[in-house]
Amino acid sequence: MRLARLPVIAVVVVAIVATGYSSQLSPSNRPWPPAVQQAHPDAPVLSPAEAMKTFSMPPGYRLELVASEPLIQDPVMIDWDPEGRLWAVEMPGYMRDMTGSGEHDPIGRVVVLTDVNGDGQMDTRTVFADGLVLVRAVKARWYARERRYGQGRPHSHG
């Protein structure tokens, strides 16, 4: 009777060993390369003004800072409407960690930034839509065509 169990035990042992070996080769169990695991110590967080100094622009182009934190947070897309307002999609929940935990929480939003005094920098922030899940894009002209933002009348531009 013990001999009859021997092939079953052998198959179970082979299956366990094979599973352990294959899991070592599985891409999901391999460690991330060191550059991905952690931020490089020589890559400090820069202020907006410091970050602007690190850009290199081709001749004929210039870079201007029009908005930064806390006025805008985690932007993934922007668009401009005919009135010069900046519409931005903010995704604070996107990939907070390597597992993507919490990314389906309804914390995304669309905000509208306005340059009130005409100096080229955004001064005010209005939340247009809040509680969104993984919102990735908005077309400001579509919203503007439907209703002039904040004024409740049809938009006159095409």
Protein backbone atom coordinates (compact mmCIF):
# COMPACT_ATOMS: atom_id res chain seq x y z
CA MET A 1 0.00 0.00 0.00
CA ARG A 2 2.89 2.35 0.74
CA LEU A 3 4.33 1.59 -2.68
CA ALA A 4 1.05 2.61 -4.33
CA ARG A 5 1.33 6.09 -2.75
CA LEU A 6 4.91 6.59 -3.89
CA PRO A 7 4.02 7.79 -7.45
CA VAL A 8 1.47 10.24 -6.03
CA ILE A 9 4.00 11.61 -3.53
CA ALA A 10 6.61 11.87 -6.29
CA VAL A 11 4.22 13.84 -8.51
CA VAL A 12 3.35 16.20 -5.64
CA VAL A 13 7.04 16.79 -4.84
CA VAL A 14 7.85 17.47 -8.50
CA ALA A 15 4.89 19.88 -8.75
CA ILE A 16 5.99 21.79 -5.65
CA VAL A 17 9.59 22.06 -6.86
CA ALA A 18 8.48 23.11 -10.36
CA THR A 19 6.15 25.76 -8.95
CA GLY A 20 8.88 27.17 -6.74
CA TYR A 21 11.36 27.22 -9.62
CA SER A 22 8.95 28.87 -12.05
CA SER A 23 7.99 31.55 -9.52
CA GLN A 24 11.66 32.51 -9.26
CA LEU A 25 11.69 33.12 -13.01
CA SER A 26 8.38 34.98 -13.08
CA PRO A 27 8.71 38.66 -14.06
CA SER A 28 6.30 39.64 -11.29
CA ASN A 29 8.70 38.32 -8.66
CA ARG A 30 11.86 39.86 -10.02
CA PRO A 31 13.11 42.92 -8.17
CA TRP A 32 12.84 46.24 -9.92
CA PRO A 33 16.12 47.70 -11.19
CA PRO A 34 17.76 49.97 -8.60
CA ALA A 35 16.95 53.12 -10.60
CA VAL A 36 13.22 52.34 -10.39
CA GLN A 37 13.16 51.29 -6.74
CA GLN A 38 14.05 54.64 -5.28
CA ALA A 39 14.72 58.22 -6.23
CA HIS A 40 18.32 59.06 -6.88
CA PRO A 41 19.82 60.99 -3.95
CA ASP A 42 21.23 63.56 -6.39
CA ALA A 43 17.73 64.33 -7.74
CA PRO A 44 16.23 66.67 -5.14
CA VAL A 45 12.75 68.12 -5.38
CA LEU A 46 13.06 71.51 -7.04
CA SER A 47 10.99 74.63 -6.61
CA PRO A 48 9.22 75.83 -9.77
CA ALA A 49 11.84 78.58 -10.24
CA GLU A 50 14.70 76.07 -9.82
CA ALA A 51 13.06 73.61 -12.21
CA MET A 52 12.69 76.33 -14.86
CA LYS A 53 16.49 76.76 -14.88
CA THR A 54 16.98 73.10 -15.85
CA PHE A 55 15.13 73.38 -19.20
CA SER A 56 16.96 73.98 -22.45
CA MET A 57 14.87 75.60 -25.16
CA PRO A 58 15.65 75.76 -28.88
CA PRO A 59 16.30 79.17 -30.46
CA GLY A 60 13.13 81.22 -30.87
CA TYR A 61 11.30 79.53 -27.98
CA ARG A 62 10.89 80.62 -24.39
CA LEU A 63 9.51 78.95 -21.31
CA GLU A 64 7.23 80.78 -18.89
CA LEU A 65 5.79 79.62 -15.59
CA VAL A 66 2.06 80.37 -15.57
CA ALA A 67 0.92 78.16 -12.66
CA SER A 68 2.42 76.00 -9.93
CA GLU A 69 1.45 74.43 -6.62
CA PRO A 70 -0.65 75.12 -4.63
CA LEU A 71 -2.78 76.66 -7.43
CA ILE A 72 -2.52 73.47 -9.51
CA GLN A 73 -1.85 69.95 -8.23
CA ASP A 74 -0.82 66.80 -10.13
CA PRO A 75 -1.83 68.03 -13.60
CA VAL A 76 -1.90 65.46 -16.41
CA MET A 77 -3.48 67.56 -19.19
CA ILE A 78 -4.23 71.19 -19.91
CA ASP A 79 -6.22 73.12 -22.50
CA TRP A 80 -6.89 76.80 -23.08
CA ASP A 81 -10.30 78.27 -23.79
CA PRO A 82 -10.98 81.34 -25.99
CA GLU A 83 -10.94 83.62 -22.92
CA GLY A 84 -7.37 82.57 -22.06
CA ARG A 85 -8.32 80.44 -19.06
CA LEU A 86 -6.30 77.33 -18.40
CA TRP A 87 -8.38 74.16 -17.93
CA ALA A 88 -6.46 71.38 -16.21
CA VAL A 89 -7.12 67.77 -15.31
CA GLU A 90 -5.68 66.88 -11.90
CA MET A 91 -5.06 63.22 -11.00
CA PRO A 92 -3.79 63.14 -7.41
CA GLY A 93 -4.64 59.44 -7.10
CA TYR A 94 -2.69 58.13 -10.09
CA MET A 95 0.00 55.59 -9.17
CA ARG A 96 0.78 56.77 -5.66
CA ASP A 97 2.85 53.61 -5.23
CA MET A 98 4.13 50.66 -7.28
CA THR A 99 0.91 48.69 -6.81
CA GLY A 100 -1.41 51.52 -7.88
CA SER A 101 -3.34 51.37 -4.62
CA GLY A 102 -6.14 53.90 -4.37
CA GLU A 103 -5.96 54.98 -8.00
CA HIS A 104 -9.66 54.21 -8.48
CA ASP A 105 -10.69 56.54 -5.65
CA PRO A 106 -12.92 59.38 -6.93
CA ILE A 107 -10.46 62.20 -6.21
CA GLY A 108 -9.67 63.51 -9.70
CA ARG A 109 -10.92 66.90 -10.80
CA VAL A 110 -11.05 69.46 -13.57
CA VAL A 111 -10.00 72.97 -12.54
CA VAL A 112 -10.09 76.31 -14.33
CA LEU A 113 -7.25 78.76 -13.68
CA THR A 114 -7.70 82.42 -14.57
CA ASP A 115 -5.23 85.28 -15.01
CA VAL A 116 -7.23 88.05 -13.34
CA ASN A 117 -4.71 90.89 -13.56
CA GLY A 118 -3.31 90.20 -17.06
CA ASP A 119 0.30 89.57 -15.99
CA GLY A 120 0.50 86.18 -17.74
CA GLN A 121 0.32 84.13 -14.54
CA MET A 122 -2.78 82.37 -13.29
CA ASP A 123 -4.25 83.96 -10.15
CA THR A 124 -7.49 82.15 -9.32
CA ARG A 125 -8.59 78.54 -9.25
CA THR A 126 -12.15 77.24 -9.68
CA VAL A 127 -13.02 73.55 -9.40
CA PHE A 128 -15.23 72.78 -12.42
CA ALA A 129 -15.74 69.05 -11.74
CA ASP A 130 -14.72 67.04 -8.68
CA GLY A 131 -14.88 63.42 -7.54
CA LEU A 132 -13.72 61.96 -10.86
CA VAL A 133 -12.01 58.59 -11.32
CA LEU A 134 -8.89 58.56 -13.51
CA VAL A 135 -10.04 61.47 -15.66
CA ARG A 136 -7.45 61.98 -18.38
CA ALA A 137 -8.70 64.69 -20.70
CA VAL A 138 -11.08 67.59 -21.11
CA LYS A 139 -11.80 69.74 -24.11
CA ALA A 140 -12.30 73.30 -22.87
CA ARG A 141 -13.89 74.46 -26.10
CA TRP A 142 -16.62 71.83 -25.80
CA TYR A 143 -17.55 73.12 -22.35
CA ALA A 144 -17.28 76.70 -23.57
CA ARG A 145 -19.62 75.99 -26.49
CA GLU A 146 -22.23 74.50 -24.17
CA ARG A 147 -22.23 77.31 -21.65
CA ARG A 148 -19.98 80.27 -21.07
CA TYR A 149 -18.19 79.26 -17.91
CA GLY A 150 -19.50 81.11 -14.89
CA GLN A 151 -21.90 83.35 -16.83
CA GLY A 152 -24.70 80.97 -17.84
CA ARG A 153 -25.13 82.15 -21.42
CA PRO A 154 -24.20 80.51 -24.74
CA HIS A 155 -20.65 80.95 -25.95
CA SER A 156 -20.24 83.24 -28.97
CA HIS A 157 -16.98 81.75 -30.31
CA GLY A 158 -16.89 78.66 -32.59
